[in-house]
PDB file of all heavy atoms in Angstrom:
ATOM      1  N   ASP A   1      10.266 -11.529  16.721  1.00  0.00           N
ATOM      2  CA  ASP A   1      11.196 -10.482  16.259  1.00  0.00           C
ATOM      3  C   ASP A   1      10.553 -10.065  14.911  1.00  0.00           C
ATOM      4  O   ASP A   1      10.603 -10.805  13.764  1.00  0.00           O
ATOM      5  CB  ASP A   1      12.467 -11.218  15.905  1.00  0.00           C
ATOM      6  CG  ASP A   1      13.663 -10.170  15.383  1.00  0.00           C
ATOM      7  OD1 ASP A   1      13.149  -9.089  14.900  1.00  0.00           O
ATOM      8  OD2 ASP A   1      14.772 -10.443  15.553  1.00  0.00           O
ATOM      9  N   ASN A   2       9.922  -9.001  14.871  1.00  0.00           N
ATOM     10  CA  ASN A   2       9.164  -8.419  13.717  1.00  0.00           C
ATOM     11  C   ASN A   2      10.173  -8.214  12.504  1.00  0.00           C
ATOM     12  O   ASN A   2       9.697  -8.391  11.348  1.00  0.00           O
ATOM     13  CB  ASN A   2       8.483  -7.185  14.112  1.00  0.00           C
ATOM     14  CG  ASN A   2       7.172  -7.400  14.982  1.00  0.00           C
ATOM     15  OD1 ASN A   2       6.636  -8.411  14.953  1.00  0.00           O
ATOM     16  ND2 ASN A   2       6.979  -6.388  15.794  1.00  0.00           N
ATOM     17  N   SER A   3      11.403  -7.769  12.809  1.00  0.00           N
ATOM     18  CA  SER A   3      12.261  -7.466  11.741  1.00  0.00           C
ATOM     19  C   SER A   3      12.581  -8.795  10.991  1.00  0.00           C
ATOM     20  O   SER A   3      13.046  -8.607   9.776  1.00  0.00           O
ATOM     21  CB  SER A   3      13.458  -6.748  12.128  1.00  0.00           C
ATOM     22  OG  SER A   3      14.333  -7.627  13.096  1.00  0.00           O
ATOM     23  N   LYS A   4      12.483  -9.947  11.632  1.00  0.00           N
ATOM     24  CA  LYS A   4      12.936 -11.204  10.942  1.00  0.00           C
ATOM     25  C   LYS A   4      11.642 -12.085  10.700  1.00  0.00           C
ATOM     26  O   LYS A   4      11.890 -13.194  10.229  1.00  0.00           O
ATOM     27  CB  LYS A   4      13.910 -11.874  11.751  1.00  0.00           C
ATOM     28  CG  LYS A   4      15.209 -11.077  11.951  1.00  0.00           C
ATOM     29  CD  LYS A   4      16.187 -11.940  12.734  1.00  0.00           C
ATOM     30  CE  LYS A   4      17.511 -11.248  12.850  1.00  0.00           C
ATOM     31  NZ  LYS A   4      18.485 -11.989  13.710  1.00  0.00           N
ATOM     32  N   ASN A   5      10.538 -11.519  10.950  1.00  0.00           N
ATOM     33  CA  ASN A   5       9.254 -12.259  10.840  1.00  0.00           C
ATOM     34  C   ASN A   5       9.263 -13.693  11.393  1.00  0.00           C
ATOM     35  O   ASN A   5       8.922 -14.665  10.878  1.00  0.00           O
ATOM     36  CB  ASN A   5       8.933 -12.435   9.327  1.00  0.00           C
ATOM     37  CG  ASN A   5       8.573 -11.090   8.627  1.00  0.00           C
ATOM     38  OD1 ASN A   5       7.867 -10.257   9.163  1.00  0.00           O
ATOM     39  ND2 ASN A   5       9.300 -10.890   7.440  1.00  0.00           N
ATOM     40  N   THR A   6       9.767 -13.604  12.624  1.00  0.00           N
ATOM     41  CA  THR A   6       9.963 -14.909  13.339  1.00  0.00           C
ATOM     42  C   THR A   6       9.317 -14.860  14.708  1.00  0.00           C
ATOM     43  O   THR A   6       9.258 -13.885  15.411  1.00  0.00           O
ATOM     44  CB  THR A   6      11.447 -15.140  13.584  1.00  0.00           C
ATOM     45  OG1 THR A   6      12.183 -15.135  12.336  1.00  0.00           O
ATOM     46  CG2 THR A   6      11.663 -16.457  14.322  1.00  0.00           C
ATOM     47  N   VAL A   7       8.710 -15.899  14.994  1.00  0.00           N
ATOM     48  CA  VAL A   7       8.030 -16.165  16.416  1.00  0.00           C
ATOM     49  C   VAL A   7       8.893 -17.276  17.125  1.00  0.00           C
ATOM     50  O   VAL A   7       9.153 -18.244  16.591  1.00  0.00           O
ATOM     51  CB  VAL A   7       6.536 -16.375  16.363  1.00  0.00           C
ATOM     52  CG1 VAL A   7       6.173 -17.624  15.601  1.00  0.00           C
ATOM     53  CG2 VAL A   7       5.941 -16.329  17.687  1.00  0.00           C
ATOM     54  N   PHE A   8       9.027 -17.117  18.507  1.00  0.00           N
ATOM     55  CA  PHE A   8       9.755 -18.026  19.234  1.00  0.00           C
ATOM     56  C   PHE A   8       8.935 -18.526  20.309  1.00  0.00           C
ATOM     57  O   PHE A   8       8.022 -17.915  20.769  1.00  0.00           O
ATOM     58  CB  PHE A   8      10.943 -17.370  19.906  1.00  0.00           C
ATOM     59  CG  PHE A   8      11.888 -16.719  18.896  1.00  0.00           C
ATOM     60  CD1 PHE A   8      11.789 -15.400  18.652  1.00  0.00           C
ATOM     61  CD2 PHE A   8      12.847 -17.461  18.269  1.00  0.00           C
ATOM     62  CE1 PHE A   8      12.666 -14.806  17.778  1.00  0.00           C
ATOM     63  CE2 PHE A   8      13.758 -16.763  17.368  1.00  0.00           C
ATOM     64  CZ  PHE A   8      13.641 -15.558  17.037  1.00  0.00           C
ATOM     65  N   LEU A   9       9.228 -19.751  20.807  1.00  0.00           N
ATOM     66  CA  LEU A   9       8.581 -20.243  21.972  1.00  0.00           C
ATOM     67  C   LEU A   9       9.719 -20.889  22.814  1.00  0.00           C
ATOM     68  O   LEU A   9      10.282 -21.845  22.453  1.00  0.00           O
ATOM     69  CB  LEU A   9       7.585 -21.353  21.615  1.00  0.00           C
ATOM     70  CG  LEU A   9       6.762 -21.988  22.758  1.00  0.00           C
ATOM     71  CD1 LEU A   9       5.897 -20.960  23.427  1.00  0.00           C
ATOM     72  CD2 LEU A   9       5.924 -23.213  22.500  1.00  0.00           C
ATOM     73  N   GLN A  10      10.036 -20.177  23.825  1.00  0.00           N
ATOM     74  CA  GLN A  10      11.022 -20.708  24.867  1.00  0.00           C
ATOM     75  C   GLN A  10      10.291 -21.568  25.905  1.00  0.00           C
ATOM     76  O   GLN A  10       9.376 -21.168  26.632  1.00  0.00           O
ATOM     77  CB  GLN A  10      11.660 -19.525  25.649  1.00  0.00           C
ATOM     78  CG  GLN A  10      12.593 -19.923  26.591  1.00  0.00           C
ATOM     79  CD  GLN A  10      13.985 -20.567  26.073  1.00  0.00           C
ATOM     80  OE1 GLN A  10      14.505 -20.159  25.014  1.00  0.00           O
ATOM     81  NE2 GLN A  10      14.252 -21.662  26.752  1.00  0.00           N
ATOM     82  N   MET A  11      10.749 -22.784  25.884  1.00  0.00           N
ATOM     83  CA  MET A  11      10.100 -23.745  26.778  1.00  0.00           C
ATOM     84  C   MET A  11      11.090 -24.259  27.827  1.00  0.00           C
ATOM     85  O   MET A  11      12.095 -24.867  27.550  1.00  0.00           O
ATOM     86  CB  MET A  11       9.597 -25.041  26.001  1.00  0.00           C
ATOM     87  CG  MET A  11       8.601 -24.539  24.894  1.00  0.00           C
ATOM     88  SD  MET A  11       7.967 -26.008  23.959  1.00  0.00           S
ATOM     89  CE  MET A  11       9.450 -26.717  23.318  1.00  0.00           C
ATOM     90  N   ASP A  12      10.781 -23.840  29.136  1.00  0.00           N
ATOM     91  CA  ASP A  12      11.606 -24.299  30.302  1.00  0.00           C
ATOM     92  C   ASP A  12      10.862 -25.197  31.196  1.00  0.00           C
ATOM     93  O   ASP A  12       9.498 -25.340  31.161  1.00  0.00           O
ATOM     94  CB  ASP A  12      12.011 -22.986  31.026  1.00  0.00           C
ATOM     95  CG  ASP A  12      12.840 -22.051  30.197  1.00  0.00           C
ATOM     96  OD1 ASP A  12      13.701 -22.524  29.473  1.00  0.00           O
ATOM     97  OD2 ASP A  12      12.627 -20.912  30.368  1.00  0.00           O
ATOM     98  N   SER A  13      11.505 -25.898  31.996  1.00  0.00           N
ATOM     99  CA  SER A  13      10.871 -26.848  33.098  1.00  0.00           C
ATOM    100  C   SER A  13       9.904 -27.806  32.272  1.00  0.00           C
ATOM    101  O   SER A  13       8.894 -27.988  32.795  1.00  0.00           O
ATOM    102  CB  SER A  13      10.108 -26.094  34.123  1.00  0.00           C
ATOM    103  OG  SER A  13      11.006 -25.242  34.815  1.00  0.00           O
ATOM    104  N   LEU A  14      10.337 -28.341  31.240  1.00  0.00           N
ATOM    105  CA  LEU A  14       9.676 -29.241  30.455  1.00  0.00           C
ATOM    106  C   LEU A  14       9.143 -30.481  31.189  1.00  0.00           C
ATOM    107  O   LEU A  14       9.915 -31.069  31.959  1.00  0.00           O
ATOM    108  CB  LEU A  14      10.346 -29.662  29.130  1.00  0.00           C
ATOM    109  CG  LEU A  14      10.275 -28.530  28.098  1.00  0.00           C
ATOM    110  CD1 LEU A  14      11.397 -28.785  26.963  1.00  0.00           C
ATOM    111  CD2 LEU A  14       8.909 -28.473  27.369  1.00  0.00           C
ATOM    112  N   LYS A  15       8.023 -30.932  30.879  1.00  0.00           N
ATOM    113  CA  LYS A  15       7.257 -32.085  31.590  1.00  0.00           C
ATOM    114  C   LYS A  15       7.040 -33.126  30.447  1.00  0.00           C
ATOM    115  O   LYS A  15       6.661 -32.806  29.270  1.00  0.00           O
ATOM    116  CB  LYS A  15       6.105 -31.819  32.208  1.00  0.00           C
ATOM    117  CG  LYS A  15       6.238 -30.686  33.371  1.00  0.00           C
ATOM    118  CD  LYS A  15       4.968 -30.320  34.021  1.00  0.00           C
ATOM    119  CE  LYS A  15       5.190 -29.199  35.076  1.00  0.00           C
ATOM    120  NZ  LYS A  15       3.821 -28.797  35.682  1.00  0.00           N
ATOM    121  N   PRO A  16       6.834 -34.368  30.843  1.00  0.00           N
ATOM    122  CA  PRO A  16       6.490 -35.337  29.808  1.00  0.00           C
ATOM    123  C   PRO A  16       5.167 -35.105  29.135  1.00  0.00           C
ATOM    124  O   PRO A  16       4.974 -35.283  28.014  1.00  0.00           O
ATOM    125  CB  PRO A  16       6.223 -36.634  30.672  1.00  0.00           C
ATOM    126  CG  PRO A  16       7.228 -36.437  31.772  1.00  0.00           C
ATOM    127  CD  PRO A  16       7.132 -35.020  32.051  1.00  0.00           C
ATOM    128  N   GLU A  17       4.216 -34.409  29.839  1.00  0.00           N
ATOM    129  CA  GLU A  17       2.952 -34.082  29.221  1.00  0.00           C
ATOM    130  C   GLU A  17       3.050 -32.943  28.099  1.00  0.00           C
ATOM    131  O   GLU A  17       2.045 -32.691  27.493  1.00  0.00           O
ATOM    132  CB  GLU A  17       1.871 -33.797  30.231  1.00  0.00           C
ATOM    133  CG  GLU A  17       2.333 -32.627  31.252  1.00  0.00           C
ATOM    134  CD  GLU A  17       2.893 -33.358  32.587  1.00  0.00           C
ATOM    135  OE1 GLU A  17       3.586 -34.345  32.442  1.00  0.00           O
ATOM    136  OE2 GLU A  17       2.555 -32.764  33.579  1.00  0.00           O
ATOM    137  N   ASP A  18       4.254 -32.354  27.960  1.00  0.00           N
ATOM    138  CA  ASP A  18       4.430 -31.305  26.935  1.00  0.00           C
ATOM    139  C   ASP A  18       4.749 -32.011  25.613  1.00  0.00           C
ATOM    140  O   ASP A  18       4.894 -31.300  24.550  1.00  0.00           O
ATOM    141  CB  ASP A  18       5.600 -30.463  27.363  1.00  0.00           C
ATOM    142  CG  ASP A  18       5.263 -29.581  28.655  1.00  0.00           C
ATOM    143  OD1 ASP A  18       4.101 -29.087  28.682  1.00  0.00           O
ATOM    144  OD2 ASP A  18       6.072 -29.308  29.412  1.00  0.00           O
ATOM    145  N   THR A  19       5.021 -33.284  25.603  1.00  0.00           N
ATOM    146  CA  THR A  19       5.371 -34.097  24.468  1.00  0.00           C
ATOM    147  C   THR A  19       4.196 -34.054  23.457  1.00  0.00           C
ATOM    148  O   THR A  19       3.006 -33.998  23.580  1.00  0.00           O
ATOM    149  CB  THR A  19       5.515 -35.585  24.704  1.00  0.00           C
ATOM    150  OG1 THR A  19       6.680 -35.660  25.589  1.00  0.00           O
ATOM    151  CG2 THR A  19       5.796 -36.316  23.482  1.00  0.00           C
ATOM    152  N   GLY A  20       4.628 -33.743  22.068  1.00  0.00           N
ATOM    153  CA  GLY A  20       3.693 -33.566  20.986  1.00  0.00           C
ATOM    154  C   GLY A  20       4.378 -32.975  19.851  1.00  0.00           C
ATOM    155  O   GLY A  20       5.515 -32.543  19.917  1.00  0.00           O
ATOM    156  N   VAL A  21       3.707 -32.801  18.798  1.00  0.00           N
ATOM    157  CA  VAL A  21       4.115 -32.057  17.637  1.00  0.00           C
ATOM    158  C   VAL A  21       3.683 -30.565  17.844  1.00  0.00           C
ATOM    159  O   VAL A  21       2.295 -30.391  18.020  1.00  0.00           O
ATOM    160  CB  VAL A  21       3.488 -32.620  16.387  1.00  0.00           C
ATOM    161  CG1 VAL A  21       3.985 -31.761  15.141  1.00  0.00           C
ATOM    162  CG2 VAL A  21       3.977 -34.081  16.197  1.00  0.00           C
ATOM    163  N   TYR A  22       4.535 -29.647  17.702  1.00  0.00           N
ATOM    164  CA  TYR A  22       4.270 -28.215  17.836  1.00  0.00           C
ATOM    165  C   TYR A  22       4.231 -27.636  16.510  1.00  0.00           C
ATOM    166  O   TYR A  22       5.100 -27.765  15.652  1.00  0.00           O
ATOM    167  CB  TYR A  22       5.326 -27.687  18.703  1.00  0.00           C
ATOM    168  CG  TYR A  22       5.201 -27.993  20.159  1.00  0.00           C
ATOM    169  CD1 TYR A  22       5.379 -29.207  20.725  1.00  0.00           C
ATOM    170  CD2 TYR A  22       4.748 -26.917  21.130  1.00  0.00           C
ATOM    171  CE1 TYR A  22       5.298 -29.574  22.016  1.00  0.00           C
ATOM    172  CE2 TYR A  22       4.767 -27.212  22.440  1.00  0.00           C
ATOM    173  CZ  TYR A  22       4.883 -28.542  22.869  1.00  0.00           C
ATOM    174  OH  TYR A  22       4.776 -28.709  24.241  1.00  0.00           O
ATOM    175  N   TYR A  23       3.076 -26.838  16.214  1.00  0.00           N
ATOM    176  CA  TYR A  23       2.813 -26.296  14.968  1.00  0.00           C
ATOM    177  C   TYR A  23       2.747 -24.684  15.152  1.00  0.00           C
ATOM    178  O   TYR A  23       2.108 -24.278  16.139  1.00  0.00           O
ATOM    179  CB  TYR A  23       1.438 -26.794  14.491  1.00  0.00           C
ATOM    180  CG  TYR A  23       1.281 -28.184  14.168  1.00  0.00           C
ATOM    181  CD1 TYR A  23       0.947 -29.120  15.190  1.00  0.00           C
ATOM    182  CD2 TYR A  23       1.760 -28.657  12.957  1.00  0.00           C
ATOM    183  CE1 TYR A  23       0.781 -30.399  14.795  1.00  0.00           C
ATOM    184  CE2 TYR A  23       1.643 -29.964  12.594  1.00  0.00           C
ATOM    185  CZ  TYR A  23       1.205 -30.924  13.615  1.00  0.00           C
ATOM    186  OH  TYR A  23       1.056 -32.242  13.350  1.00  0.00           O
ATOM    187  N   CYS A  24       3.427 -24.061  14.299  1.00  0.00           N
ATOM    188  CA  CYS A  24       3.338 -22.580  14.166  1.00  0.00           C
ATOM    189  C   CYS A  24       2.068 -22.284  13.437  1.00  0.00           C
ATOM    190  O   CYS A  24       1.753 -22.899  12.430  1.00  0.00           O
ATOM    191  CB  CYS A  24       4.612 -22.115  13.580  1.00  0.00           C
ATOM    192  SG  CYS A  24       4.670 -20.281  13.408  1.00  0.00           S
ATOM    193  N   ASN A  25       1.457 -21.239  13.779  1.00  0.00           N
ATOM    194  CA  ASN A  25       0.234 -20.822  13.133  1.00  0.00           C
ATOM    195  C   ASN A  25       0.118 -19.305  13.032  1.00  0.00           C
ATOM    196  O   ASN A  25       0.543 -18.476  14.003  1.00  0.00           O
ATOM    197  CB  ASN A  25      -0.985 -21.297  13.978  1.00  0.00           C
ATOM    198  CG  ASN A  25      -2.426 -20.623  13.533  1.00  0.00           C
ATOM    199  OD1 ASN A  25      -2.844 -19.736  14.107  1.00  0.00           O
ATOM    200  ND2 ASN A  25      -2.875 -21.191  12.387  1.00  0.00           N
ATOM    201  N   VAL A  26      -0.332 -18.811  11.929  1.00  0.00           N
ATOM    202  CA  VAL A  26      -0.446 -17.323  11.869  1.00  0.00           C
ATOM    203  C   VAL A  26      -1.857 -17.054  11.291  1.00  0.00           C
ATOM    204  O   VAL A  26      -2.372 -17.810  10.503  1.00  0.00           O
ATOM    205  CB  VAL A  26       0.680 -16.637  11.004  1.00  0.00           C
ATOM    206  CG1 VAL A  26       2.041 -16.953  11.650  1.00  0.00           C
ATOM    207  CG2 VAL A  26       0.538 -17.110   9.594  1.00  0.00           C
ATOM    208  N   TRP A  27      -2.377 -15.888  11.540  1.00  0.00           N
ATOM    209  CA  TRP A  27      -3.533 -15.242  10.914  1.00  0.00           C
ATOM    210  C   TRP A  27      -3.119 -14.093   9.999  1.00  0.00           C
ATOM    211  O   TRP A  27      -2.338 -13.285  10.545  1.00  0.00           O
ATOM    212  CB  TRP A  27      -4.614 -14.948  11.930  1.00  0.00           C
ATOM    213  CG  TRP A  27      -5.452 -16.164  12.438  1.00  0.00           C
ATOM    214  CD1 TRP A  27      -5.124 -17.002  13.383  1.00  0.00           C
ATOM    215  CD2 TRP A  27      -6.585 -16.693  11.828  1.00  0.00           C
ATOM    216  NE1 TRP A  27      -6.049 -17.900  13.629  1.00  0.00           N
ATOM    217  CE2 TRP A  27      -6.988 -17.699  12.525  1.00  0.00           C
ATOM    218  CE3 TRP A  27      -7.392 -16.376  10.689  1.00  0.00           C
ATOM    219  CZ2 TRP A  27      -8.134 -18.518  12.211  1.00  0.00           C
ATOM    220  CZ3 TRP A  27      -8.552 -17.099  10.492  1.00  0.00           C
ATOM    221  CH2 TRP A  27      -8.827 -18.150  11.212  1.00  0.00           C
ATOM    222  N   VAL A  28      -3.642 -13.934   8.937  1.00  0.00           N
ATOM    223  CA  VAL A  28      -3.353 -12.710   8.096  1.00  0.00           C
ATOM    224  C   VAL A  28      -4.683 -12.117   7.675  1.00  0.00           C
ATOM    225  O   VAL A  28      -5.819 -12.776   7.553  1.00  0.00           O
ATOM    226  CB  VAL A  28      -2.604 -13.169   6.823  1.00  0.00           C
ATOM    227  CG1 VAL A  28      -1.318 -13.786   7.289  1.00  0.00           C
ATOM    228  CG2 VAL A  28      -3.425 -14.046   5.844  1.00  0.00           C
ATOM    229  N   ARG A  29      -4.678 -10.726   7.674  1.00  0.00           N
ATOM    230  CA  ARG A  29      -5.779 -10.026   7.116  1.00  0.00           C
ATOM    231  C   ARG A  29      -5.955 -10.182   5.487  1.00  0.00           C
ATOM    232  O   ARG A  29      -4.965 -10.179   4.873  1.00  0.00           O
ATOM    233  CB  ARG A  29      -5.739  -8.662   7.452  1.00  0.00           C
ATOM    234  CG  ARG A  29      -5.655  -8.425   9.031  1.00  0.00           C
ATOM    235  CD  ARG A  29      -5.617  -6.934   9.329  1.00  0.00           C
ATOM    236  NE  ARG A  29      -5.585  -6.814  10.787  1.00  0.00           N
ATOM    237  CZ  ARG A  29      -6.428  -7.061  11.746  1.00  0.00           C
ATOM    238  NH1 ARG A  29      -7.629  -7.377  11.546  1.00  0.00           N
ATOM    239  NH2 ARG A  29      -6.140  -6.827  13.056  1.00  0.00           N
ATOM    240  N   GLY A  30      -7.198 -10.357   5.214  1.00  0.00           N
ATOM    241  CA  GLY A  30      -7.542 -10.418   3.787  1.00  0.00           C
ATOM    242  C   GLY A  30      -7.681  -8.961   3.223  1.00  0.00           C
ATOM    243  O   GLY A  30      -7.396  -7.893   3.804  1.00  0.00           O
ATOM    244  N   LYS A  31      -8.270  -8.943   1.988  1.00  0.00           N
ATOM    245  CA  LYS A  31      -8.477  -7.666   1.245  1.00  0.00           C
ATOM    246  C   LYS A  31      -9.623  -6.840   1.696  1.00  0.00           C
ATOM    247  O   LYS A  31      -9.654  -5.654   1.408  1.00  0.00           O
ATOM    248  CB  LYS A  31      -8.542  -7.940  -0.179  1.00  0.00           C
ATOM    249  CG  LYS A  31      -7.203  -8.462  -0.826  1.00  0.00           C
ATOM    250  CD  LYS A  31      -7.426  -8.568  -2.302  1.00  0.00           C
ATOM    251  CE  LYS A  31      -6.185  -9.194  -2.896  1.00  0.00           C
ATOM    252  NZ  LYS A  31      -6.298  -9.293  -4.437  1.00  0.00           N
TER     253      LYS A  31
END
């Protein structure tokens, strides 16, 4: 949602192998 600067991850049909720490990551352009 660009207006709210938010990214989502909808996870369905989860499996045990999906277990872990999930990190959000972004890249930004420099000058």
